[in-house]
Protein backbone atom coordinates (compact mmCIF):
# COMPACT_ATOMS: atom_id res chain seq x y z
CA MET A 1 35.99 51.41 62.35
CA MET A 2 38.92 51.78 64.73
CA ALA A 3 37.56 52.41 67.48
CA SER A 4 34.80 49.27 66.90
CA HIS A 5 38.36 47.14 66.59
CA ALA A 6 39.35 48.23 69.87
CA ARG A 7 36.23 47.37 71.77
CA ARG A 8 36.09 44.29 70.17
CA THR A 9 39.82 43.55 71.24
CA VAL A 10 39.21 45.01 74.87
CA LEU A 11 35.64 42.70 75.24
CA SER A 12 37.44 39.65 73.82
CA GLN A 13 39.87 39.90 76.75
CA GLY A 14 37.27 39.89 79.59
CA PHE A 15 37.09 43.81 80.45
CA ALA A 16 33.46 45.27 80.49
CA TRP A 17 33.75 49.38 79.70
CA ARG A 18 30.69 49.94 80.66
CA LYS A 19 31.35 52.38 83.59
CA THR A 20 33.86 55.47 84.40
CA GLY A 21 34.54 54.43 87.38
CA THR A 22 35.78 51.06 86.28
CA VAL A 23 37.93 52.83 83.79
CA ALA A 24 39.51 54.98 86.28
CA GLY A 25 40.28 51.58 88.66
CA VAL A 26 42.40 50.28 84.98
CA PHE A 27 44.36 53.32 84.83
CA ALA A 28 45.25 53.71 88.13
CA ALA A 29 46.54 50.02 88.65
CA GLY A 30 48.39 50.64 85.75
CA ALA A 31 50.07 53.98 86.49
CA VAL A 32 51.00 51.77 89.87
CA LEU A 33 52.23 49.07 88.06
CA LEU A 34 54.37 51.42 86.24
CA SER A 35 55.92 53.23 88.94
CA SER A 36 56.83 49.68 90.96
CA CYS A 37 58.80 48.90 87.57
CA ALA A 38 60.77 51.76 87.18
CA ALA A 39 64.76 51.13 86.48
CA PRO A 40 67.01 51.58 89.40
CA PHE A 41 68.50 55.06 88.13
CA GLU A 42 64.92 56.39 87.90
CA ALA A 43 64.09 55.91 91.70
CA PRO A 44 62.43 58.91 93.23
CA SER A 45 64.74 61.30 95.15
CA ASP A 46 64.12 61.70 99.18
CA MET A 47 65.32 65.26 98.78
CA THR A 48 62.64 67.21 100.69
CA GLU A 49 64.00 70.89 99.21
CA GLU A 50 65.84 72.30 96.22
CA PRO A 51 69.76 71.95 96.56
CA PRO A 52 71.39 76.00 97.15
CA ALA A 53 72.46 77.68 94.20
CA PRO A 54 76.32 78.23 94.04
CA PRO A 55 77.86 81.44 95.23
CA VAL A 56 77.69 84.20 92.04
CA TRP A 57 80.17 86.54 92.45
CA THR A 58 79.49 89.87 90.25
CA GLY A 59 82.36 92.18 92.16
CA GLN A 60 84.62 93.03 94.39
CA PRO A 61 85.39 92.54 97.49
CA ALA A 62 84.19 88.50 97.23
CA PRO A 63 81.75 87.20 99.48
CA PRO A 64 83.13 85.42 102.66
CA GLY A 65 83.68 81.90 101.51
CA TYR A 66 84.19 82.37 97.87
CA ASP A 67 87.00 80.36 96.51
CA ASP A 68 88.60 82.80 93.49
CA ASP A 69 89.47 79.23 92.00
CA HIS A 70 86.57 77.14 92.48
CA ASP A 71 86.20 76.25 88.92
CA ASP A 72 89.75 76.64 87.34
CA ASP A 73 91.29 73.36 86.46
CA HIS A 74 95.22 75.26 86.88
CA ASP A 75 97.32 74.09 89.69
CA GLU A 76 98.33 78.35 90.57
CA GLU A 77 101.18 76.58 93.00
CA PRO A 78 104.27 77.96 92.98
CA THR A 79 107.26 75.53 92.17
CA ASP A 80 109.21 76.23 94.90
CA GLY A 81 108.81 78.77 97.38
CA PRO A 82 105.95 81.52 97.84
CA ALA A 83 104.70 83.03 94.47
CA ARG A 84 107.13 85.76 93.12
CA THR A 85 105.48 88.77 91.42
CA LEU A 86 106.27 91.44 89.53
CA GLN A 87 104.75 94.39 88.62
CA ALA A 88 104.33 97.56 85.87
CA ASN A 89 103.06 100.89 86.53
CA LEU A 90 101.58 102.33 83.37
CA ALA A 91 101.67 106.34 82.56
CA LEU A 92 101.14 108.08 79.51
CA ALA A 93 103.65 109.90 77.58
CA ASP A 94 102.95 113.22 79.97
CA GLY A 95 103.90 111.28 83.08
CA SER A 96 100.71 110.53 84.50
CA GLU A 97 99.57 107.01 85.74
CA ILE A 98 96.44 105.39 84.33
CA GLY A 99 97.37 101.76 85.93
CA THR A 100 99.44 99.14 86.76
CA VAL A 101 100.07 95.93 85.45
CA THR A 102 101.09 92.73 88.00
CA PHE A 103 102.62 89.30 86.43
CA THR A 104 102.49 86.65 89.32
CA GLU A 105 104.43 83.25 88.99
CA THR A 106 102.36 79.29 89.23
CA ARG A 107 103.74 76.54 88.51
CA ASP A 108 102.62 76.14 84.87
CA TYR A 109 101.79 79.59 83.72
CA LEU A 110 101.51 83.40 84.54
CA ARG A 111 98.93 85.36 85.82
CA VAL A 112 98.59 88.62 84.35
CA ARG A 113 96.31 91.50 85.68
CA ALA A 114 96.16 94.62 83.76
CA GLN A 115 94.03 97.73 85.49
CA ILE A 116 93.35 100.92 83.78
CA ARG A 117 91.94 103.83 85.87
CA GLY A 118 91.88 106.34 83.27
CA ASP A 119 89.03 108.80 81.53
CA SER A 120 87.55 109.40 78.42
CA ASP A 121 90.30 112.39 77.45
CA THR A 122 93.36 110.15 78.26
CA VAL A 123 92.46 106.70 77.37
CA THR A 124 90.07 106.34 74.09
CA PRO A 125 87.41 103.57 74.00
CA GLY A 126 87.91 100.36 72.83
CA PHE A 127 90.21 97.58 72.01
CA LYS A 128 94.10 98.06 72.63
CA GLY A 129 96.95 96.10 71.65
CA PHE A 130 98.94 94.46 74.82
CA HIS A 131 102.57 93.53 74.79
CA ILE A 132 105.44 92.77 76.64
CA HIS A 133 108.07 94.04 75.19
CA GLU A 134 111.86 94.10 75.00
CA PHE A 135 113.35 96.65 77.25
CA GLY A 136 112.63 98.30 80.55
CA VAL A 137 112.95 101.71 79.36
CA CYS A 138 110.19 103.97 79.02
CA GLU A 139 111.02 106.99 77.89
CA PRO A 140 108.57 109.45 75.47
CA ASP A 141 109.79 110.89 72.35
CA SER A 142 112.58 108.52 72.26
CA GLU A 143 114.23 106.95 69.47
CA ALA A 144 114.06 103.27 68.92
CA PRO A 145 116.83 101.40 69.19
CA ASP A 146 117.72 100.21 65.83
CA GLY A 147 117.91 104.85 64.85
CA GLU A 148 115.40 104.32 62.43
CA SER A 149 112.70 106.25 64.00
CA THR A 150 111.54 108.16 67.00
CA GLY A 151 108.13 108.51 69.24
CA ASP A 152 106.60 107.96 72.58
CA PHE A 153 108.22 104.80 74.04
CA LEU A 154 110.12 103.69 71.27
CA SER A 155 113.07 102.87 73.70
CA ALA A 156 111.14 100.02 75.28
CA GLY A 157 112.36 98.10 71.55
CA GLY A 158 109.76 95.83 70.01
CA HIS A 159 107.16 93.07 71.38
CA LEU A 160 109.60 90.27 73.15
CA MET A 161 110.62 87.12 71.24
CA LEU A 162 112.58 85.10 73.16
CA GLU A 163 114.79 82.70 71.47
CA GLY A 164 113.54 79.63 69.54
CA ALA A 165 110.16 80.78 69.43
CA THR A 166 108.29 82.26 66.11
CA HIS A 167 105.77 84.84 64.71
CA SER A 168 103.61 81.43 63.14
CA GLY A 169 101.25 79.46 65.37
CA THR A 170 101.10 81.58 68.39
CA GLY A 171 102.92 84.61 67.52
CA MET A 172 105.24 86.49 69.52
CA SER A 173 106.54 85.83 72.80
CA GLY A 174 105.68 88.96 74.13
CA ASP A 175 101.86 88.87 73.00
CA LEU A 176 99.24 89.02 75.23
CA THR A 177 94.98 89.51 74.85
CA SER A 178 93.71 93.07 73.79
CA LEU A 179 92.67 95.19 76.35
CA HIS A 180 89.11 96.41 76.39
CA ILE A 181 88.82 100.02 77.54
CA LEU A 182 85.07 101.39 78.26
CA GLU A 183 83.74 104.50 77.75
CA ASP A 184 85.22 106.30 80.46
CA GLY A 185 88.50 105.47 80.03
CA THR A 186 88.47 102.67 82.36
CA GLY A 187 89.34 98.81 82.07
CA GLU A 188 90.49 95.76 83.46
CA LEU A 189 92.04 92.24 81.96
CA VAL A 190 92.88 88.86 83.67
CA THR A 191 94.49 86.78 81.30
CA LEU A 192 97.21 83.92 81.49
CA THR A 193 100.37 83.15 78.99
CA ASP A 194 102.65 80.03 78.98
CA ARG A 195 105.18 81.48 76.96
CA VAL A 196 107.28 83.52 79.32
CA THR A 197 108.32 83.51 82.80
CA ILE A 198 109.00 85.59 85.55
CA ASP A 199 113.12 84.72 85.06
CA ASP A 200 112.35 86.13 81.46
CA LEU A 201 111.18 89.13 82.01
CA LEU A 202 113.65 90.21 84.25
CA LEU A 203 116.49 89.10 81.93
CA GLY A 204 119.21 91.31 81.01
CA ASP A 205 117.96 95.23 81.39
CA GLY A 206 114.48 93.89 82.10
CA THR A 207 111.23 94.26 80.14
CA SER A 208 108.42 96.51 79.93
CA VAL A 209 104.47 96.52 79.43
CA ILE A 210 102.84 99.37 76.40
CA VAL A 211 99.63 99.71 75.91
CA HIS A 212 98.93 100.65 72.08
CA GLU A 213 96.20 103.56 70.38
CA GLY A 214 94.97 100.87 68.15
CA PRO A 215 93.38 96.78 68.72
CA ASP A 216 96.52 94.34 68.02
CA ASN A 217 95.18 91.95 64.69
CA PHE A 218 97.73 89.28 65.42
CA THR A 219 98.82 88.90 61.92
CA ASN A 220 95.51 87.36 60.70
CA ILE A 221 95.21 88.66 57.52
CA PRO A 222 93.32 86.64 54.82
CA ASP A 223 94.96 85.49 51.72
CA ARG A 224 92.54 87.28 49.77
CA TYR A 225 93.89 91.19 51.08
CA VAL A 226 96.83 92.12 48.97
CA LEU A 227 99.43 95.23 49.24
CA PRO A 228 99.57 98.20 46.89
CA ASP A 229 102.75 96.80 45.54
CA GLY A 230 101.05 93.94 45.05
CA GLY A 231 103.27 92.37 48.29
CA SER A 232 101.98 89.28 50.44
CA VAL A 233 100.70 89.61 53.42
CA PRO A 234 101.08 89.86 56.39
CA ASP A 235 104.03 91.71 55.78
CA GLU A 236 107.10 92.30 57.99
CA GLN A 237 106.03 95.62 60.25
CA THR A 238 102.44 93.03 60.89
CA LEU A 239 104.64 90.51 61.58
CA ALA A 240 106.27 92.66 64.35
CA THR A 241 103.55 95.11 65.36
CA GLY A 242 100.37 93.81 64.60
CA ASP A 243 99.31 96.88 63.34
CA ALA A 244 98.29 98.21 66.53
CA GLY A 245 99.53 102.01 66.47
CA PRO A 246 101.49 104.30 68.37
CA ARG A 247 102.13 103.45 72.09
CA ILE A 248 100.24 105.31 74.45
CA ALA A 249 101.34 103.74 78.05
CA CYS A 250 104.58 101.82 78.78
CA GLY A 251 105.53 100.82 82.23
CA VAL A 252 108.60 99.15 83.43
CA ILE A 253 108.10 95.49 85.04
CA GLU A 254 110.14 95.44 88.38
CA THR A 255 110.22 93.01 91.16
CA ARG A 256 106.98 94.81 93.42
């Protein structure tokens, strides 16, 4: 019934669908007409080749012409003069160095780069708490500033907490992104922070950077968890340490 109706419609308009060539001609004419009516933004391109693929950097060194900041919206120009850079040499309690951390000043923030060169016997794989601590003293088997406990690198004090900062929201001033150590004991991290400045790191007797044995939970303790004594969470220990555990490496932050 539908085919019959269509045939009647076509015939009433003076078309005769009797030859294959006639049908093909009708469709070809329609295609030309549609292409000539394309919207301006659909105009065919005159490109004869595909655009070259953007450079991909898969390791070091960068290929010639690669712009390290080609996709970075941050302005890394220093405020005044050349950018200042600080460095900390990370060492274990036995004195063996396992890496470096550099702090590079930009106009609006610090770029922090940590490079770990340990091995699976000295630095276990997994996420590690990574923080700036309040004193530039890295002594193994030392006493905490409050005199209440002893342990490796407790001389560095607690996490850096600048005046006016609070635990809530963004956390402590010295909190940094956690390090991820690979199975072979190596790792690398590049992160940014706008909660401290180069001058903050050099205040008083200076500051240090610590790598912890375990991950930092950044006080992310859901309300459904409770302490054995019914106390509220996160408690003071979590607020102060992020439950990252013992300190396994420390480095004093100094001018490079």
